[in-house]
Amino acid sequence: MKCPERRCKKRACDIGETGSGWIISQLQENQPKQVKENLMAKVERIQEKITDLSVRLSAIKDHLVETAVEAVNAFKEKGRTEMCRVVQKGISSVKSALADYREHLIGDNQKQQSDSYGVA
């Protein structure tokens, strides 16, 4: 049985099978579309994560700049001890923000992995 697709150049379609060569040919044609769609969806999610990360890192940078300004003012007004307290407080909040975002990313990654494996 010949392949009903005229553009099909696969030799398997001409070997006289009862359509199985044509089915294999169709599956091979369709698979790259599915793979491409899956990859494009993953790329889109990664781009969203990168944008989100950029926004969050920019906010952290701004916070560090504010902390530095506060630390300088604290040093001028109250001395070294107060400056160290301000810096410690600023760094602590940055650590907390980074840890929270890390947990957010890990949670999203685990959710996407379970989704891709069909786990609910």
N, C-alpha and C. Protein backbone atom coordinates (compact mmCIF):
# COMPACT_ATOMS: atom_id res chain seq x y z
N MET A 1 0.84 -1.17 0.00
CA MET A 1 0.00 0.00 0.00
C MET A 1 0.88 1.23 0.00
N LYS A 2 0.63 2.13 -0.91
CA LYS A 2 1.41 3.36 -1.01
C LYS A 2 0.88 4.38 -0.02
N CYS A 3 1.75 5.25 0.37
CA CYS A 3 1.38 6.31 1.30
C CYS A 3 0.42 7.29 0.62
N PRO A 4 -0.68 7.64 1.29
CA PRO A 4 -1.62 8.59 0.68
C PRO A 4 -1.05 10.01 0.60
N GLU A 5 0.00 10.28 1.32
CA GLU A 5 0.62 11.60 1.26
C GLU A 5 1.54 11.65 0.05
N ARG A 6 1.29 12.54 -0.86
CA ARG A 6 2.12 12.63 -2.07
C ARG A 6 3.53 13.14 -1.76
N ARG A 7 3.64 14.00 -0.77
CA ARG A 7 4.95 14.58 -0.48
C ARG A 7 5.84 13.65 0.34
N CYS A 8 5.27 12.54 0.81
CA CYS A 8 6.00 11.60 1.64
C CYS A 8 7.08 10.91 0.80
N LYS A 9 8.31 10.98 1.27
CA LYS A 9 9.43 10.36 0.56
C LYS A 9 9.96 9.15 1.31
N LYS A 10 9.26 8.73 2.34
CA LYS A 10 9.73 7.63 3.16
C LYS A 10 9.63 6.31 2.40
N ARG A 11 10.67 5.53 2.44
CA ARG A 11 10.70 4.23 1.79
C ARG A 11 9.75 3.26 2.51
N ALA A 12 9.58 3.44 3.83
CA ALA A 12 8.74 2.53 4.60
C ALA A 12 7.31 2.53 4.09
N CYS A 13 6.87 3.60 3.47
CA CYS A 13 5.50 3.68 2.98
C CYS A 13 5.29 2.81 1.74
N ASP A 14 6.34 2.45 1.06
CA ASP A 14 6.22 1.70 -0.18
C ASP A 14 6.46 0.21 0.00
N ILE A 15 6.68 -0.26 1.20
CA ILE A 15 7.07 -1.66 1.35
C ILE A 15 5.88 -2.60 1.43
N GLY A 16 4.67 -2.10 1.21
CA GLY A 16 3.52 -2.97 1.13
C GLY A 16 2.83 -3.23 2.45
N GLU A 17 3.20 -2.51 3.50
CA GLU A 17 2.52 -2.69 4.77
C GLU A 17 1.11 -2.12 4.67
N THR A 18 0.27 -2.51 5.56
CA THR A 18 -1.12 -2.06 5.50
C THR A 18 -1.30 -0.73 6.22
N GLY A 19 -0.56 0.24 5.82
CA GLY A 19 -0.72 1.58 6.35
C GLY A 19 0.18 1.91 7.52
N SER A 20 0.89 0.94 8.10
CA SER A 20 1.72 1.23 9.28
C SER A 20 2.88 2.16 8.93
N GLY A 21 3.43 2.03 7.73
CA GLY A 21 4.50 2.94 7.31
C GLY A 21 4.00 4.37 7.25
N TRP A 22 2.79 4.53 6.77
CA TRP A 22 2.21 5.87 6.68
C TRP A 22 1.96 6.44 8.07
N ILE A 23 1.51 5.60 9.00
CA ILE A 23 1.26 6.04 10.38
C ILE A 23 2.57 6.48 11.03
N ILE A 24 3.61 5.70 10.85
CA ILE A 24 4.91 6.08 11.40
C ILE A 24 5.37 7.39 10.80
N SER A 25 5.19 7.55 9.52
CA SER A 25 5.56 8.79 8.86
C SER A 25 4.82 9.97 9.45
N GLN A 26 3.52 9.80 9.68
CA GLN A 26 2.71 10.88 10.26
C GLN A 26 3.17 11.22 11.67
N LEU A 27 3.48 10.19 12.45
CA LEU A 27 3.96 10.43 13.81
C LEU A 27 5.28 11.20 13.80
N GLN A 28 6.15 10.85 12.88
CA GLN A 28 7.44 11.53 12.79
C GLN A 28 7.25 12.98 12.38
N GLU A 29 6.30 13.26 11.51
CA GLU A 29 6.04 14.64 11.09
C GLU A 29 5.46 15.45 12.22
N ASN A 30 4.59 14.86 13.02
CA ASN A 30 3.91 15.59 14.08
C ASN A 30 4.77 15.78 15.32
N GLN A 31 5.67 14.86 15.59
CA GLN A 31 6.46 14.95 16.80
C GLN A 31 7.30 16.22 16.87
N PRO A 32 8.00 16.64 15.84
CA PRO A 32 8.78 17.86 15.97
C PRO A 32 7.92 19.08 16.34
N LYS A 33 6.68 19.13 15.89
CA LYS A 33 5.80 20.24 16.25
C LYS A 33 5.54 20.23 17.74
N GLN A 34 5.28 19.06 18.30
CA GLN A 34 5.02 18.95 19.73
C GLN A 34 6.26 19.31 20.54
N VAL A 35 7.40 18.82 20.09
CA VAL A 35 8.65 19.12 20.78
C VAL A 35 8.91 20.63 20.73
N LYS A 36 8.71 21.22 19.56
CA LYS A 36 8.94 22.65 19.42
C LYS A 36 7.98 23.44 20.32
N GLU A 37 6.72 23.03 20.36
CA GLU A 37 5.74 23.73 21.20
C GLU A 37 6.12 23.62 22.67
N ASN A 38 6.55 22.45 23.10
CA ASN A 38 6.99 22.27 24.49
C ASN A 38 8.19 23.14 24.81
N LEU A 39 9.16 23.15 23.90
CA LEU A 39 10.34 23.98 24.11
C LEU A 39 10.00 25.46 24.15
N MET A 40 9.12 25.89 23.26
CA MET A 40 8.72 27.30 23.24
C MET A 40 8.00 27.68 24.54
N ALA A 41 7.19 26.79 25.07
CA ALA A 41 6.50 27.05 26.33
C ALA A 41 7.52 27.17 27.47
N LYS A 42 8.51 26.30 27.46
CA LYS A 42 9.55 26.36 28.50
C LYS A 42 10.38 27.64 28.37
N VAL A 43 10.70 28.02 27.15
CA VAL A 43 11.44 29.26 26.93
C VAL A 43 10.64 30.45 27.44
N GLU A 44 9.36 30.46 27.19
CA GLU A 44 8.50 31.54 27.65
C GLU A 44 8.49 31.62 29.18
N ARG A 45 8.39 30.47 29.85
CA ARG A 45 8.41 30.45 31.32
C ARG A 45 9.75 30.94 31.84
N ILE A 46 10.83 30.55 31.19
CA ILE A 46 12.16 31.00 31.62
C ILE A 46 12.29 32.51 31.44
N GLN A 47 11.79 33.04 30.33
CA GLN A 47 11.84 34.48 30.11
C GLN A 47 11.06 35.23 31.17
N GLU A 48 9.90 34.68 31.57
CA GLU A 48 9.11 35.30 32.63
C GLU A 48 9.88 35.30 33.95
N LYS A 49 10.53 34.18 34.24
CA LYS A 49 11.32 34.09 35.46
C LYS A 49 12.49 35.08 35.45
N ILE A 50 13.13 35.22 34.29
CA ILE A 50 14.25 36.15 34.18
C ILE A 50 13.77 37.58 34.40
N THR A 51 12.64 37.93 33.82
CA THR A 51 12.09 39.27 34.00
C THR A 51 11.76 39.50 35.47
N ASP A 52 11.11 38.52 36.10
CA ASP A 52 10.77 38.63 37.52
C ASP A 52 12.02 38.76 38.37
N LEU A 53 13.02 37.95 38.08
CA LEU A 53 14.27 38.00 38.82
C LEU A 53 14.94 39.36 38.65
N SER A 54 14.93 39.89 37.46
CA SER A 54 15.52 41.21 37.20
C SER A 54 14.85 42.29 38.03
N VAL A 55 13.52 42.24 38.09
CA VAL A 55 12.77 43.22 38.89
C VAL A 55 13.14 43.08 40.37
N ARG A 56 13.17 41.85 40.85
CA ARG A 56 13.49 41.62 42.26
C ARG A 56 14.92 42.03 42.59
N LEU A 57 15.86 41.71 41.72
CA LEU A 57 17.25 42.09 41.97
C LEU A 57 17.43 43.61 41.93
N SER A 58 16.70 44.26 41.06
CA SER A 58 16.74 45.72 41.00
C SER A 58 16.23 46.33 42.32
N ALA A 59 15.15 45.75 42.85
CA ALA A 59 14.62 46.23 44.14
C ALA A 59 15.63 45.99 45.26
N ILE A 60 16.31 44.85 45.23
CA ILE A 60 17.33 44.55 46.25
C ILE A 60 18.49 45.53 46.12
N LYS A 61 18.89 45.83 44.89
CA LYS A 61 19.96 46.80 44.68
C LYS A 61 19.57 48.16 45.25
N ASP A 62 18.34 48.59 44.96
CA ASP A 62 17.86 49.87 45.48
C ASP A 62 17.86 49.86 47.01
N HIS A 63 17.47 48.74 47.59
CA HIS A 63 17.46 48.62 49.05
C HIS A 63 18.88 48.72 49.61
N LEU A 64 19.84 48.09 48.94
CA LEU A 64 21.22 48.16 49.40
C LEU A 64 21.76 49.59 49.31
N VAL A 65 21.38 50.30 48.26
CA VAL A 65 21.81 51.71 48.14
C VAL A 65 21.22 52.53 49.28
N GLU A 66 19.93 52.32 49.57
CA GLU A 66 19.30 53.03 50.69
C GLU A 66 19.97 52.67 52.01
N THR A 67 20.31 51.40 52.18
CA THR A 67 21.00 50.96 53.40
C THR A 67 22.35 51.65 53.53
N ALA A 68 23.06 51.77 52.42
CA ALA A 68 24.37 52.43 52.45
C ALA A 68 24.23 53.90 52.85
N VAL A 69 23.21 54.56 52.30
CA VAL A 69 22.98 55.97 52.65
C VAL A 69 22.64 56.08 54.14
N GLU A 70 21.76 55.20 54.62
CA GLU A 70 21.40 55.20 56.04
C GLU A 70 22.62 54.92 56.92
N ALA A 71 23.48 54.01 56.48
CA ALA A 71 24.67 53.66 57.25
C ALA A 71 25.62 54.85 57.36
N VAL A 72 25.80 55.56 56.26
CA VAL A 72 26.67 56.74 56.29
C VAL A 72 26.10 57.79 57.23
N ASN A 73 24.79 58.02 57.13
CA ASN A 73 24.15 59.00 58.02
C ASN A 73 24.23 58.55 59.48
N ALA A 74 24.04 57.27 59.72
CA ALA A 74 24.14 56.75 61.09
C ALA A 74 25.55 56.92 61.63
N PHE A 75 26.54 56.70 60.80
CA PHE A 75 27.93 56.87 61.21
C PHE A 75 28.20 58.33 61.57
N LYS A 76 27.72 59.25 60.72
CA LYS A 76 27.93 60.68 60.97
C LYS A 76 27.24 61.13 62.25
N GLU A 77 26.03 60.63 62.49
CA GLU A 77 25.24 61.10 63.63
C GLU A 77 25.53 60.36 64.93
N LYS A 78 25.71 59.02 64.86
CA LYS A 78 25.78 58.24 66.09
C LYS A 78 27.02 57.37 66.20
N GLY A 79 27.83 57.32 65.16
CA GLY A 79 29.07 56.57 65.26
C GLY A 79 29.04 55.20 64.62
N ARG A 80 30.15 54.53 64.85
CA ARG A 80 30.39 53.25 64.19
C ARG A 80 29.40 52.17 64.62
N THR A 81 29.07 52.10 65.86
CA THR A 81 28.17 51.06 66.37
C THR A 81 26.81 51.13 65.68
N GLU A 82 26.26 52.33 65.56
CA GLU A 82 24.97 52.51 64.90
C GLU A 82 25.06 52.18 63.41
N MET A 83 26.17 52.56 62.79
CA MET A 83 26.37 52.23 61.37
C MET A 83 26.36 50.71 61.18
N CYS A 84 27.05 49.99 62.03
CA CYS A 84 27.10 48.52 61.93
C CYS A 84 25.71 47.92 62.11
N ARG A 85 24.92 48.47 63.02
CA ARG A 85 23.57 47.98 63.24
C ARG A 85 22.72 48.17 61.99
N VAL A 86 22.83 49.35 61.37
CA VAL A 86 22.07 49.64 60.14
C VAL A 86 22.48 48.70 59.02
N VAL A 87 23.77 48.48 58.87
CA VAL A 87 24.27 47.58 57.82
C VAL A 87 23.80 46.15 58.07
N GLN A 88 23.90 45.70 59.32
CA GLN A 88 23.45 44.34 59.65
C GLN A 88 21.96 44.17 59.35
N LYS A 89 21.16 45.17 59.70
CA LYS A 89 19.72 45.11 59.45
C LYS A 89 19.45 45.07 57.94
N GLY A 90 20.15 45.90 57.17
CA GLY A 90 19.98 45.93 55.71
C GLY A 90 20.37 44.62 55.05
N ILE A 91 21.49 44.05 55.48
CA ILE A 91 21.96 42.79 54.90
C ILE A 91 21.01 41.65 55.29
N SER A 92 20.52 41.68 56.51
CA SER A 92 19.58 40.66 56.95
C SER A 92 18.32 40.65 56.10
N SER A 93 17.81 41.84 55.79
CA SER A 93 16.59 41.89 54.96
C SER A 93 16.87 41.42 53.53
N VAL A 94 18.08 41.68 53.04
CA VAL A 94 18.44 41.20 51.70
C VAL A 94 18.54 39.67 51.70
N LYS A 95 19.16 39.12 52.72
CA LYS A 95 19.25 37.66 52.84
C LYS A 95 17.87 37.03 52.87
N SER A 96 16.99 37.64 53.63
CA SER A 96 15.62 37.13 53.75
C SER A 96 14.90 37.18 52.40
N ALA A 97 15.04 38.31 51.69
CA ALA A 97 14.39 38.46 50.39
C ALA A 97 14.93 37.44 49.39
N LEU A 98 16.24 37.22 49.38
CA LEU A 98 16.84 36.24 48.47
C LEU A 98 16.41 34.81 48.82
N ALA A 99 16.34 34.51 50.11
CA ALA A 99 15.91 33.17 50.53
C ALA A 99 14.45 32.94 50.13
N ASP A 100 13.60 33.96 50.32
CA ASP A 100 12.19 33.83 49.92
C ASP A 100 12.07 33.59 48.42
N TYR A 101 12.83 34.33 47.64
CA TYR A 101 12.74 34.16 46.19
C TYR A 101 13.30 32.81 45.76
N ARG A 102 14.33 32.36 46.45
CA ARG A 102 14.88 31.04 46.15
C ARG A 102 13.82 29.96 46.38
N GLU A 103 13.12 30.06 47.49
CA GLU A 103 12.05 29.11 47.78
C GLU A 103 10.95 29.19 46.72
N HIS A 104 10.66 30.40 46.28
CA HIS A 104 9.66 30.60 45.22
C HIS A 104 10.09 29.91 43.93
N LEU A 105 11.36 30.07 43.57
CA LEU A 105 11.86 29.43 42.35
C LEU A 105 11.89 27.91 42.47
N ILE A 106 12.31 27.41 43.62
CA ILE A 106 12.37 25.96 43.82
C ILE A 106 10.97 25.38 43.77
N GLY A 107 10.02 26.05 44.41
CA GLY A 107 8.63 25.59 44.39
C GLY A 107 8.06 25.56 42.98
N ASP A 108 8.32 26.63 42.20
CA ASP A 108 7.86 26.68 40.81
C ASP A 108 8.50 25.57 39.99
N ASN A 109 9.79 25.35 40.19
CA ASN A 109 10.50 24.32 39.43
C ASN A 109 9.95 22.93 39.74
N GLN A 110 9.70 22.66 41.03
CA GLN A 110 9.15 21.36 41.39
C GLN A 110 7.75 21.19 40.83
N LYS A 111 6.95 22.26 40.83
CA LYS A 111 5.60 22.19 40.29
C LYS A 111 5.65 21.92 38.79
N GLN A 112 6.55 22.59 38.08
CA GLN A 112 6.65 22.39 36.62
C GLN A 112 7.12 20.98 36.32
N GLN A 113 8.05 20.46 37.11
CA GLN A 113 8.51 19.10 36.87
C GLN A 113 7.38 18.11 37.08
N SER A 114 6.60 18.30 38.13
CA SER A 114 5.49 17.37 38.36
C SER A 114 4.44 17.52 37.28
N ASP A 115 4.22 18.75 36.77
CA ASP A 115 3.29 18.94 35.67
C ASP A 115 3.77 18.25 34.40
N SER A 116 5.07 18.32 34.15
CA SER A 116 5.59 17.72 32.92
C SER A 116 5.57 16.20 32.98
N TYR A 117 5.57 15.64 34.20
CA TYR A 117 5.48 14.20 34.34
C TYR A 117 4.06 13.72 34.52
N GLY A 118 3.11 14.65 34.53
CA GLY A 118 1.71 14.30 34.64
C GLY A 118 1.28 14.00 36.07
N VAL A 119 2.07 14.45 37.03
CA VAL A 119 1.73 14.25 38.45
C VAL A 119 0.86 15.42 38.89
N ALA A 120 -0.21 15.12 39.57
CA ALA A 120 -1.11 16.18 40.02
C ALA A 120 -0.68 16.73 41.35
